[in-house]
Amino acid sequence: MRKTMRPVLVTGLSVASVLAVAIATPALSSAAPAAPPALSAGASILASGGDLSSPEKKEIAMELVSSAENSSLDWKAQYSYIEDIGDGRGYTAGIIGFCSGTGDMLELVRAYTNAVPDNPLAQYLPALEKVNGSDSHEGLGSAFESAWKAAAGTSEFQAAQDSERDRVYFDPAVNQGKSDGLGALGQFIYYDAIVMHGPGDSSDSFGGIRNSALQQAKPPSQGGDETAYLKAFLDARKVVMKQEEAHADTSRVDTEQLVFLNDGNLDLHTPLKWQVYGDPYEIN
């Protein structure tokens, strides 16, 4: 869990808003498409192959991750978020939990500075390079936190966060999910895993988790059953989560993703109801 703040329960959020360069408050649409009928007990949605990168599904994905990372469905309120949550990764900040100790915050600020050289964070690049790989705040501190918040008020830094999120996490997860023959839910399960565990092939990374799952079940692209494969993936992920105290609470799997999977909702149709860390959320 990225933040320790108490959750904000949001219901009835529109999922028709499209990601934009500048932050904007999503409008509720009275002309939104009707949701499919609620699943009855034991019912199953057999369709798969949905696209998580479609505007409506991507908005759902952002809200689902934000419920776990930020205890709120309002993911666009997180551009300015920054704190050290004591997980050994230094500062955690922004819409996807960029960390000063894991390299993705450094890459984000580099990309932002390439686009906007005269920005509030540019002066901290040497310090970010120095603390990368540690939980140190040397050369950063409260002044850096203030600079982050100032930058987050600009459309340019919001766009930089969106772009790095997509480049490093969202697009690779969705592309791999499609390659494995997974629907929107499976693509989201991949995305949430890569957000928490990072890309790569080590045993505790997204690639390592996927490799473990492949030893237990085949994805649809290899003739396997989609639900059985996704359960194998989530089982493998939970093993990795429990190895780290900061991630040992597996409710984002047990009371979120497995709920959708057990309902047969392979394409993330709304309405969606779930819990994370004991707190309820829904998207209608």
C-alpha atoms as a PDB file:
ATOM      1  CA  MET A   1       0.000   0.000   0.000  1.00  0.00           C
ATOM      2  CA  ARG A   2       1.575   3.246  -1.120  1.00  0.00           C
ATOM      3  CA  LYS A   3      -0.198   5.602   1.261  1.00  0.00           C
ATOM      4  CA  THR A   4      -1.447   5.527   4.809  1.00  0.00           C
ATOM      5  CA  MET A   5      -4.270   8.036   4.412  1.00  0.00           C
ATOM      6  CA  ARG A   6      -7.802   6.832   4.989  1.00  0.00           C
ATOM      7  CA  PRO A   7      -9.784   6.015   1.839  1.00  0.00           C
ATOM      8  CA  VAL A   8     -12.330   8.187   0.115  1.00  0.00           C
ATOM      9  CA  LEU A   9     -15.280   6.108  -1.057  1.00  0.00           C
ATOM     10  CA  VAL A  10     -16.350   7.229  -4.519  1.00  0.00           C
ATOM     11  CA  THR A  11     -19.400   5.786  -6.195  1.00  0.00           C
ATOM     12  CA  GLY A  12     -20.955   6.311  -9.582  1.00  0.00           C
ATOM     13  CA  LEU A  13     -17.799   7.702 -11.207  1.00  0.00           C
ATOM     14  CA  SER A  14     -17.980   8.095 -14.974  1.00  0.00           C
ATOM     15  CA  VAL A  15     -15.434   6.045 -16.859  1.00  0.00           C
ATOM     16  CA  ALA A  16     -15.890   7.944 -20.103  1.00  0.00           C
ATOM     17  CA  SER A  17     -13.212  10.555 -19.447  1.00  0.00           C
ATOM     18  CA  VAL A  18     -10.170  10.290 -21.676  1.00  0.00           C
ATOM     19  CA  LEU A  19      -6.598  10.812 -20.411  1.00  0.00           C
ATOM     20  CA  ALA A  20      -5.425  14.264 -21.451  1.00  0.00           C
ATOM     21  CA  VAL A  21      -2.206  16.161 -21.311  1.00  0.00           C
ATOM     22  CA  ALA A  22      -3.638  18.672 -18.876  1.00  0.00           C
ATOM     23  CA  ILE A  23      -5.413  17.492 -15.742  1.00  0.00           C
ATOM     24  CA  ALA A  24      -9.149  18.003 -15.869  1.00  0.00           C
ATOM     25  CA  THR A  25     -12.079  17.005 -13.714  1.00  0.00           C
ATOM     26  CA  PRO A  26     -13.918  14.175 -15.500  1.00  0.00           C
ATOM     27  CA  ALA A  27     -17.495  15.029 -16.258  1.00  0.00           C
ATOM     28  CA  LEU A  28     -20.293  12.646 -15.510  1.00  0.00           C
ATOM     29  CA  SER A  29     -22.017  11.574 -18.677  1.00  0.00           C
ATOM     30  CA  SER A  30     -25.744  11.054 -18.797  1.00  0.00           C
ATOM     31  CA  ALA A  31     -25.329   9.420 -22.188  1.00  0.00           C
ATOM     32  CA  ALA A  32     -22.954   6.684 -21.033  1.00  0.00           C
ATOM     33  CA  PRO A  33     -23.640   3.248 -22.500  1.00  0.00           C
ATOM     34  CA  ALA A  34     -25.847   1.036 -20.389  1.00  0.00           C
ATOM     35  CA  ALA A  35     -23.959  -1.486 -18.284  1.00  0.00           C
ATOM     36  CA  PRO A  36     -24.601  -5.154 -18.941  1.00  0.00           C
ATOM     37  CA  PRO A  37     -27.006  -6.922 -16.583  1.00  0.00           C
ATOM     38  CA  ALA A  38     -25.595  -7.906 -13.208  1.00  0.00           C
ATOM     39  CA  LEU A  39     -24.251 -11.436 -13.054  1.00  0.00           C
ATOM     40  CA  SER A  40     -26.438 -13.932 -11.298  1.00  0.00           C
ATOM     41  CA  ALA A  41     -24.917 -16.465  -8.908  1.00  0.00           C
ATOM     42  CA  GLY A  42     -22.709 -18.856 -10.813  1.00  0.00           C
ATOM     43  CA  ALA A  43     -23.056 -16.912 -14.050  1.00  0.00           C
ATOM     44  CA  SER A  44     -20.048 -16.437 -16.283  1.00  0.00           C
ATOM     45  CA  ILE A  45     -18.985 -13.971 -18.948  1.00  0.00           C
ATOM     46  CA  LEU A  46     -17.249 -16.092 -21.558  1.00  0.00           C
ATOM     47  CA  ALA A  47     -16.090 -13.274 -23.809  1.00  0.00           C
ATOM     48  CA  SER A  48     -12.467 -12.214 -23.638  1.00  0.00           C
ATOM     49  CA  GLY A  49     -10.068 -10.196 -25.726  1.00  0.00           C
ATOM     50  CA  GLY A  50     -11.196  -6.785 -24.440  1.00  0.00           C
ATOM     51  CA  ASP A  51      -8.802  -3.874 -24.759  1.00  0.00           C
ATOM     52  CA  LEU A  52      -7.703  -2.238 -21.496  1.00  0.00           C
ATOM     53  CA  SER A  53      -6.255   0.664 -23.481  1.00  0.00           C
ATOM     54  CA  SER A  54      -9.698   1.816 -24.636  1.00  0.00           C
ATOM     55  CA  PRO A  55     -10.568   5.106 -22.877  1.00  0.00           C
ATOM     56  CA  GLU A  56     -13.318   3.632 -20.688  1.00  0.00           C
ATOM     57  CA  LYS A  57     -11.318   0.563 -19.609  1.00  0.00           C
ATOM     58  CA  LYS A  58      -8.154   2.589 -19.032  1.00  0.00           C
ATOM     59  CA  GLU A  59     -10.038   4.938 -16.733  1.00  0.00           C
ATOM     60  CA  ILE A  60     -11.297   1.911 -14.791  1.00  0.00           C
ATOM     61  CA  ALA A  61      -7.728   0.599 -14.525  1.00  0.00           C
ATOM     62  CA  MET A  62      -6.466   3.925 -13.179  1.00  0.00           C
ATOM     63  CA  GLU A  63      -9.204   4.000 -10.543  1.00  0.00           C
ATOM     64  CA  LEU A  64      -8.644   0.386  -9.487  1.00  0.00           C
ATOM     65  CA  VAL A  65      -4.906   0.931  -9.000  1.00  0.00           C
ATOM     66  CA  SER A  66      -5.503   4.216  -7.185  1.00  0.00           C
ATOM     67  CA  SER A  67      -7.821   2.486  -4.714  1.00  0.00           C
ATOM     68  CA  ALA A  68      -4.877   0.308  -3.669  1.00  0.00           C
ATOM     69  CA  GLU A  69      -2.041   2.788  -4.093  1.00  0.00           C
ATOM     70  CA  ASN A  70      -3.749   5.929  -2.796  1.00  0.00           C
ATOM     71  CA  SER A  71      -6.908   4.829  -0.957  1.00  0.00           C
ATOM     72  CA  SER A  72      -9.014   6.862  -3.394  1.00  0.00           C
ATOM     73  CA  LEU A  73     -10.538   6.463  -6.839  1.00  0.00           C
ATOM     74  CA  ASP A  74      -9.533  10.033  -7.709  1.00  0.00           C
ATOM     75  CA  TRP A  75      -6.234   9.135  -9.378  1.00  0.00           C
ATOM     76  CA  LYS A  76      -5.855  12.583 -10.940  1.00  0.00           C
ATOM     77  CA  ALA A  77      -5.548  14.072  -7.467  1.00  0.00           C
ATOM     78  CA  GLN A  78      -2.271  12.136  -7.013  1.00  0.00           C
ATOM     79  CA  TYR A  79       0.041  14.060  -9.363  1.00  0.00           C
ATOM     80  CA  SER A  80       1.227  16.127  -6.386  1.00  0.00           C
ATOM     81  CA  TYR A  81       1.414  13.282  -3.867  1.00  0.00           C
ATOM     82  CA  ILE A  82       4.856  12.653  -2.354  1.00  0.00           C
ATOM     83  CA  GLU A  83       6.024  10.972   0.854  1.00  0.00           C
ATOM     84  CA  ASP A  84       8.360   8.338   2.225  1.00  0.00           C
ATOM     85  CA  ILE A  85       6.179   5.431   3.341  1.00  0.00           C
ATOM     86  CA  GLY A  86       9.052   3.571   4.965  1.00  0.00           C
ATOM     87  CA  ASP A  87       9.281   0.695   2.481  1.00  0.00           C
ATOM     88  CA  GLY A  88      12.967   1.123   1.710  1.00  0.00           C
ATOM     89  CA  ARG A  89      12.342   2.790  -1.653  1.00  0.00           C
ATOM     90  CA  GLY A  90      12.858   6.399  -0.573  1.00  0.00           C
ATOM     91  CA  TYR A  91      10.220   8.830  -1.763  1.00  0.00           C
ATOM     92  CA  THR A  92       7.043   7.480  -3.350  1.00  0.00           C
ATOM     93  CA  ALA A  93       5.250  10.056  -5.482  1.00  0.00           C
ATOM     94  CA  GLY A  94       2.817  10.801  -8.265  1.00  0.00           C
ATOM     95  CA  ILE A  95       0.041   8.899  -9.974  1.00  0.00           C
ATOM     96  CA  ILE A  96       1.785   5.529 -10.051  1.00  0.00           C
ATOM     97  CA  GLY A  97       4.098   5.681  -7.047  1.00  0.00           C
ATOM     98  CA  PHE A  98       7.348   6.693  -8.763  1.00  0.00           C
ATOM     99  CA  CYS A  99      10.155   5.958  -6.275  1.00  0.00           C
ATOM    100  CA  SER A 100      13.434   7.777  -5.730  1.00  0.00           C
ATOM    101  CA  GLY A 101      15.126   4.500  -4.838  1.00  0.00           C
ATOM    102  CA  THR A 102      14.040   2.389  -7.820  1.00  0.00           C
ATOM    103  CA  GLY A 103      14.967   4.511 -10.825  1.00  0.00           C
ATOM    104  CA  ASP A 104      11.546   5.342 -12.223  1.00  0.00           C
ATOM    105  CA  MET A 105      11.382   8.732 -10.454  1.00  0.00           C
ATOM    106  CA  LEU A 106      14.796   9.594 -11.881  1.00  0.00           C
ATOM    107  CA  GLU A 107      13.689   8.622 -15.383  1.00  0.00           C
ATOM    108  CA  LEU A 108      10.518  10.669 -14.981  1.00  0.00           C
ATOM    109  CA  VAL A 109      12.365  13.829 -13.931  1.00  0.00           C
ATOM    110  CA  ARG A 110      14.881  13.344 -16.743  1.00  0.00           C
ATOM    111  CA  ALA A 111      12.084  13.079 -19.311  1.00  0.00           C
ATOM    112  CA  TYR A 112      10.316  16.089 -17.829  1.00  0.00           C
ATOM    113  CA  THR A 113      13.520  18.123 -17.910  1.00  0.00           C
ATOM    114  CA  ASN A 114      14.183  17.164 -21.521  1.00  0.00           C
ATOM    115  CA  ALA A 115      10.756  18.542 -22.408  1.00  0.00           C
ATOM    116  CA  VAL A 116      10.820  21.509 -20.020  1.00  0.00           C
ATOM    117  CA  PRO A 117      14.422  22.395 -19.115  1.00  0.00           C
ATOM    118  CA  ASP A 118      13.466  25.260 -16.817  1.00  0.00           C
ATOM    119  CA  ASN A 119      11.352  23.340 -14.315  1.00  0.00           C
ATOM    120  CA  PRO A 120      11.306  23.181 -10.489  1.00  0.00           C
ATOM    121  CA  LEU A 121      12.749  19.644 -10.358  1.00  0.00           C
ATOM    122  CA  ALA A 122      15.663  19.970 -12.779  1.00  0.00           C
ATOM    123  CA  GLN A 123      18.090  21.085 -10.083  1.00  0.00           C
ATOM    124  CA  TYR A 124      17.480  17.834  -8.180  1.00  0.00           C
ATOM    125  CA  LEU A 125      18.637  15.490 -10.956  1.00  0.00           C
ATOM    126  CA  PRO A 126      22.156  15.064  -9.476  1.00  0.00           C
ATOM    127  CA  ALA A 127      20.656  14.224  -6.069  1.00  0.00           C
ATOM    128  CA  LEU A 128      18.202  11.746  -7.598  1.00  0.00           C
ATOM    129  CA  GLU A 129      21.052  10.056  -9.441  1.00  0.00           C
ATOM    130  CA  LYS A 130      23.000   9.793  -6.168  1.00  0.00           C
ATOM    131  CA  VAL A 131      20.170   8.307  -4.078  1.00  0.00           C
ATOM    132  CA  ASN A 132      18.968   5.884  -6.759  1.00  0.00           C
ATOM    133  CA  GLY A 133      19.073   2.366  -5.353  1.00  0.00           C
ATOM    134  CA  SER A 134      18.714   3.522  -1.748  1.00  0.00           C
ATOM    135  CA  ASP A 135      16.162   5.048   0.616  1.00  0.00           C
ATOM    136  CA  SER A 136      18.300   8.151   1.210  1.00  0.00           C
ATOM    137  CA  HIS A 137      16.902  11.696   1.100  1.00  0.00           C
ATOM    138  CA  GLU A 138      20.332  13.273   0.717  1.00  0.00           C
ATOM    139  CA  GLY A 139      20.086  16.417  -1.378  1.00  0.00           C
ATOM    140  CA  LEU A 140      16.290  16.188  -1.493  1.00  0.00           C
ATOM    141  CA  GLY A 141      14.207  16.731   1.655  1.00  0.00           C
ATOM    142  CA  SER A 142      11.426  19.256   2.162  1.00  0.00           C
ATOM    143  CA  ALA A 143      12.651  21.557  -0.601  1.00  0.00           C
ATOM    144  CA  PHE A 144      12.374  18.706  -3.108  1.00  0.00           C
ATOM    145  CA  GLU A 145       8.893  17.833  -1.828  1.00  0.00           C
ATOM    146  CA  SER A 146       7.802  21.447  -2.363  1.00  0.00           C
ATOM    147  CA  ALA A 147       9.312  21.484  -5.846  1.00  0.00           C
ATOM    148  CA  TRP A 148       7.459  18.268  -6.726  1.00  0.00           C
ATOM    149  CA  LYS A 149       4.155  19.765  -5.646  1.00  0.00           C
ATOM    150  CA  ALA A 150       4.841  22.967  -7.572  1.00  0.00           C
ATOM    151  CA  ALA A 151       5.676  21.024 -10.735  1.00  0.00           C
ATOM    152  CA  ALA A 152       2.558  18.876 -10.306  1.00  0.00           C
ATOM    153  CA  GLY A 153       0.404  21.944 -10.784  1.00  0.00           C
ATOM    154  CA  THR A 154       1.553  22.212 -14.402  1.00  0.00           C
ATOM    155  CA  SER A 155       0.089  20.395 -17.368  1.00  0.00           C
ATOM    156  CA  GLU A 156       3.607  19.580 -18.587  1.00  0.00           C
ATOM    157  CA  PHE A 157       4.531  17.558 -15.491  1.00  0.00           C
ATOM    158  CA  GLN A 158       1.154  15.860 -15.430  1.00  0.00           C
ATOM    159  CA  ALA A 159       1.728  14.857 -19.060  1.00  0.00           C
ATOM    160  CA  ALA A 160       5.219  13.604 -18.189  1.00  0.00           C
ATOM    161  CA  GLN A 161       3.791  11.411 -15.421  1.00  0.00           C
ATOM    162  CA  ASP A 162       1.130  10.052 -17.777  1.00  0.00           C
ATOM    163  CA  SER A 163       3.729   9.299 -20.443  1.00  0.00           C
ATOM    164  CA  GLU A 164       6.159   7.500 -18.111  1.00  0.00           C
ATOM    165  CA  ARG A 165       3.326   5.492 -16.552  1.00  0.00           C
ATOM    166  CA  ASP A 166       2.281   4.311 -19.995  1.00  0.00           C
ATOM    167  CA  ARG A 167       5.806   3.695 -21.307  1.00  0.00           C
ATOM    168  CA  VAL A 168       7.132   1.756 -18.326  1.00  0.00           C
ATOM    169  CA  TYR A 169       4.039   0.076 -16.905  1.00  0.00           C
ATOM    170  CA  PHE A 170       0.717   0.321 -18.723  1.00  0.00           C
ATOM    171  CA  ASP A 171       1.686  -0.314 -22.349  1.00  0.00           C
ATOM    172  CA  PRO A 172       4.032  -3.252 -21.626  1.00  0.00           C
ATOM    173  CA  ALA A 173       1.423  -4.900 -19.389  1.00  0.00           C
ATOM    174  CA  VAL A 174      -1.398  -4.481 -21.898  1.00  0.00           C
ATOM    175  CA  ASN A 175       0.753  -5.623 -24.824  1.00  0.00           C
ATOM    176  CA  GLN A 176       1.902  -8.738 -22.962  1.00  0.00           C
ATOM    177  CA  GLY A 177      -1.673  -9.446 -21.900  1.00  0.00           C
ATOM    178  CA  LYS A 178      -2.903  -9.242 -25.474  1.00  0.00           C
ATOM    179  CA  SER A 179      -0.023 -11.438 -26.646  1.00  0.00           C
ATOM    180  CA  ASP A 180      -1.066 -14.022 -24.037  1.00  0.00           C
ATOM    181  CA  GLY A 181      -4.671 -13.892 -25.289  1.00  0.00           C
ATOM    182  CA  LEU A 182      -6.057 -12.232 -22.170  1.00  0.00           C
ATOM    183  CA  GLY A 183      -9.094  -9.985 -21.927  1.00  0.00           C
ATOM    184  CA  ALA A 184      -9.302  -6.634 -20.155  1.00  0.00           C
ATOM    185  CA  LEU A 185      -9.267  -8.203 -16.679  1.00  0.00           C
ATOM    186  CA  GLY A 186      -6.129 -10.208 -17.421  1.00  0.00           C
ATOM    187  CA  GLN A 187      -4.456  -7.139 -18.897  1.00  0.00           C
ATOM    188  CA  PHE A 188      -5.332  -5.246 -15.724  1.00  0.00           C
ATOM    189  CA  ILE A 189      -4.025  -8.063 -13.513  1.00  0.00           C
ATOM    190  CA  TYR A 190      -0.724  -7.757 -15.399  1.00  0.00           C
ATOM    191  CA  TYR A 191      -0.743  -3.956 -15.040  1.00  0.00           C
ATOM    192  CA  ASP A 192      -1.363  -3.993 -11.301  1.00  0.00           C
ATOM    193  CA  ALA A 193       1.434  -6.537 -10.873  1.00  0.00           C
ATOM    194  CA  ILE A 194       3.976  -4.558 -12.882  1.00  0.00           C
ATOM    195  CA  VAL A 195       3.088  -1.408 -10.935  1.00  0.00           C
ATOM    196  CA  MET A 196       3.869  -3.100  -7.627  1.00  0.00           C
ATOM    197  CA  HIS A 197       6.717  -5.418  -8.596  1.00  0.00           C
ATOM    198  CA  GLY A 198       8.288  -3.598 -11.523  1.00  0.00           C
ATOM    199  CA  PRO A 199       9.312  -4.876 -14.962  1.00  0.00           C
ATOM    200  CA  GLY A 200      12.120  -7.384 -15.405  1.00  0.00           C
ATOM    201  CA  ASP A 201      12.712 -11.122 -15.185  1.00  0.00           C
ATOM    202  CA  SER A 202      13.914 -11.564 -11.604  1.00  0.00           C
ATOM    203  CA  SER A 203      11.839 -13.940  -9.492  1.00  0.00           C
ATOM    204  CA  ASP A 204      10.144 -11.086  -7.630  1.00  0.00           C
ATOM    205  CA  SER A 205       9.410  -8.948 -10.714  1.00  0.00           C
ATOM    206  CA  PHE A 206       6.493  -9.051 -13.129  1.00  0.00           C
ATOM    207  CA  GLY A 207       8.411 -11.256 -15.535  1.00  0.00           C
ATOM    208  CA  GLY A 208       9.364 -13.678 -12.796  1.00  0.00           C
ATOM    209  CA  ILE A 209       5.776 -13.942 -11.590  1.00  0.00           C
ATOM    210  CA  ARG A 210       4.576 -14.606 -15.128  1.00  0.00           C
ATOM    211  CA  ASN A 211       7.245 -17.275 -15.602  1.00  0.00           C
ATOM    212  CA  SER A 212       6.100 -18.993 -12.405  1.00  0.00           C
ATOM    213  CA  ALA A 213       2.492 -18.930 -13.618  1.00  0.00           C
ATOM    214  CA  LEU A 214       3.496 -20.418 -16.983  1.00  0.00           C
ATOM    215  CA  GLN A 215       4.920 -23.415 -15.156  1.00  0.00           C
ATOM    216  CA  GLN A 216       1.486 -24.104 -13.680  1.00  0.00           C
ATOM    217  CA  ALA A 217      -0.944 -23.224 -16.487  1.00  0.00           C
ATOM    218  CA  LYS A 218      -1.092 -22.178 -20.120  1.00  0.00           C
ATOM    219  CA  PRO A 219      -2.513 -18.815 -21.244  1.00  0.00           C
ATOM    220  CA  PRO A 220      -5.191 -18.736 -23.969  1.00  0.00           C
ATOM    221  CA  SER A 221      -2.551 -17.994 -26.623  1.00  0.00           C
ATOM    222  CA  GLN A 222      -1.113 -21.451 -25.900  1.00  0.00           C
ATOM    223  CA  GLY A 223      -4.486 -23.183 -25.812  1.00  0.00           C
ATOM    224  CA  GLY A 224      -5.021 -22.853 -22.059  1.00  0.00           C
ATOM    225  CA  ASP A 225      -8.037 -21.776 -20.035  1.00  0.00           C
ATOM    226  CA  GLU A 226      -8.006 -18.048 -19.307  1.00  0.00           C
ATOM    227  CA  THR A 227      -9.452 -18.266 -15.794  1.00  0.00           C
ATOM    228  CA  ALA A 228      -7.166 -21.119 -14.736  1.00  0.00           C
ATOM    229  CA  TYR A 229      -4.119 -19.270 -16.023  1.00  0.00           C
ATOM    230  CA  LEU A 230      -5.032 -16.019 -14.279  1.00  0.00           C
ATOM    231  CA  LYS A 231      -5.571 -17.877 -11.010  1.00  0.00           C
ATOM    232  CA  ALA A 232      -2.100 -19.393 -11.401  1.00  0.00           C
ATOM    233  CA  PHE A 233      -0.670 -15.920 -12.028  1.00  0.00           C
ATOM    234  CA  LEU A 234      -2.376 -14.468  -8.946  1.00  0.00           C
ATOM    235  CA  ASP A 235      -1.212 -17.408  -6.826  1.00  0.00           C
ATOM    236  CA  ALA A 236       2.359 -16.803  -7.969  1.00  0.00           C
ATOM    237  CA  ARG A 237       2.053 -13.098  -7.287  1.00  0.00           C
ATOM    238  CA  LYS A 238       0.777 -13.662  -3.758  1.00  0.00           C
ATOM    239  CA  VAL A 239       3.824 -15.792  -2.977  1.00  0.00           C
ATOM    240  CA  VAL A 240       6.046 -12.854  -3.953  1.00  0.00           C
ATOM    241  CA  MET A 241       3.914 -10.310  -2.094  1.00  0.00           C
ATOM    242  CA  LYS A 242       4.155 -12.244   1.154  1.00  0.00           C
ATOM    243  CA  GLN A 243       7.931 -12.177   0.971  1.00  0.00           C
ATOM    244  CA  GLU A 244       7.961  -8.410   1.572  1.00  0.00           C
ATOM    245  CA  GLU A 245       6.394  -6.829   4.642  1.00  0.00           C
ATOM    246  CA  ALA A 246       5.267  -3.707   2.773  1.00  0.00           C
ATOM    247  CA  HIS A 247       3.254  -5.865   0.334  1.00  0.00           C
ATOM    248  CA  ALA A 248       2.236  -8.740   2.600  1.00  0.00           C
ATOM    249  CA  ASP A 249      -1.419  -7.685   2.642  1.00  0.00           C
ATOM    250  CA  THR A 250      -2.789  -9.435  -0.449  1.00  0.00           C
ATOM    251  CA  SER A 251      -6.285  -7.947  -0.371  1.00  0.00           C
ATOM    252  CA  ARG A 252      -5.798  -6.140  -3.698  1.00  0.00           C
ATOM    253  CA  VAL A 253      -5.652  -9.669  -5.121  1.00  0.00           C
ATOM    254  CA  ASP A 254      -8.066 -11.522  -2.829  1.00  0.00           C
ATOM    255  CA  THR A 255     -10.864  -8.968  -2.456  1.00  0.00           C
ATOM    256  CA  GLU A 256     -10.441  -7.164  -5.767  1.00  0.00           C
ATOM    257  CA  GLN A 257      -9.016  -9.110  -8.689  1.00  0.00           C
ATOM    258  CA  LEU A 258     -10.138 -12.570  -7.595  1.00  0.00           C
ATOM    259  CA  VAL A 259     -13.638 -11.204  -7.020  1.00  0.00           C
ATOM    260  CA  PHE A 260     -13.852 -10.123 -10.663  1.00  0.00           C
ATOM    261  CA  LEU A 261     -12.247 -13.348 -11.856  1.00  0.00           C
ATOM    262  CA  ASN A 262     -14.546 -15.602  -9.835  1.00  0.00           C
ATOM    263  CA  ASP A 263     -17.524 -13.679 -11.240  1.00  0.00           C
ATOM    264  CA  GLY A 264     -16.324 -14.535 -14.742  1.00  0.00           C
ATOM    265  CA  ASN A 265     -15.953 -10.841 -15.538  1.00  0.00           C
ATOM    266  CA  LEU A 266     -13.012 -11.272 -17.908  1.00  0.00           C
ATOM    267  CA  ASP A 267     -13.658  -7.954 -19.664  1.00  0.00           C
ATOM    268  CA  LEU A 268     -14.099  -5.738 -16.565  1.00  0.00           C
ATOM    269  CA  HIS A 269     -17.695  -4.841 -17.277  1.00  0.00           C
ATOM    270  CA  THR A 270     -19.254  -2.371 -14.860  1.00  0.00           C
ATOM    271  CA  PRO A 271     -20.671  -2.199 -12.260  1.00  0.00           C
ATOM    272  CA  LEU A 272     -17.649  -3.221 -10.213  1.00  0.00           C
ATOM    273  CA  LYS A 273     -17.572  -3.635  -6.451  1.00  0.00           C
ATOM    274  CA  TRP A 274     -14.475  -4.562  -4.459  1.00  0.00           C
ATOM    275  CA  GLN A 275     -12.510  -3.972  -1.283  1.00  0.00           C
ATOM    276  CA  VAL A 276      -8.882  -3.062  -0.685  1.00  0.00           C
ATOM    277  CA  TYR A 277      -7.381  -3.235   2.807  1.00  0.00           C
ATOM    278  CA  GLY A 278     -10.911  -3.703   4.135  1.00  0.00           C
ATOM    279  CA  ASP A 279     -12.374  -0.562   2.549  1.00  0.00           C
ATOM    280  CA  PRO A 280     -15.197  -0.757  -0.033  1.00  0.00           C
ATOM    281  CA  TYR A 281     -15.272   0.863  -3.476  1.00  0.00           C
ATOM    282  CA  GLU A 282     -17.480   0.684  -6.520  1.00  0.00           C
ATOM    283  CA  ILE A 283     -17.632   1.964 -10.097  1.00  0.00           C
ATOM    284  CA  ASN A 284     -21.084   2.095 -11.634  1.00  0.00           C
END
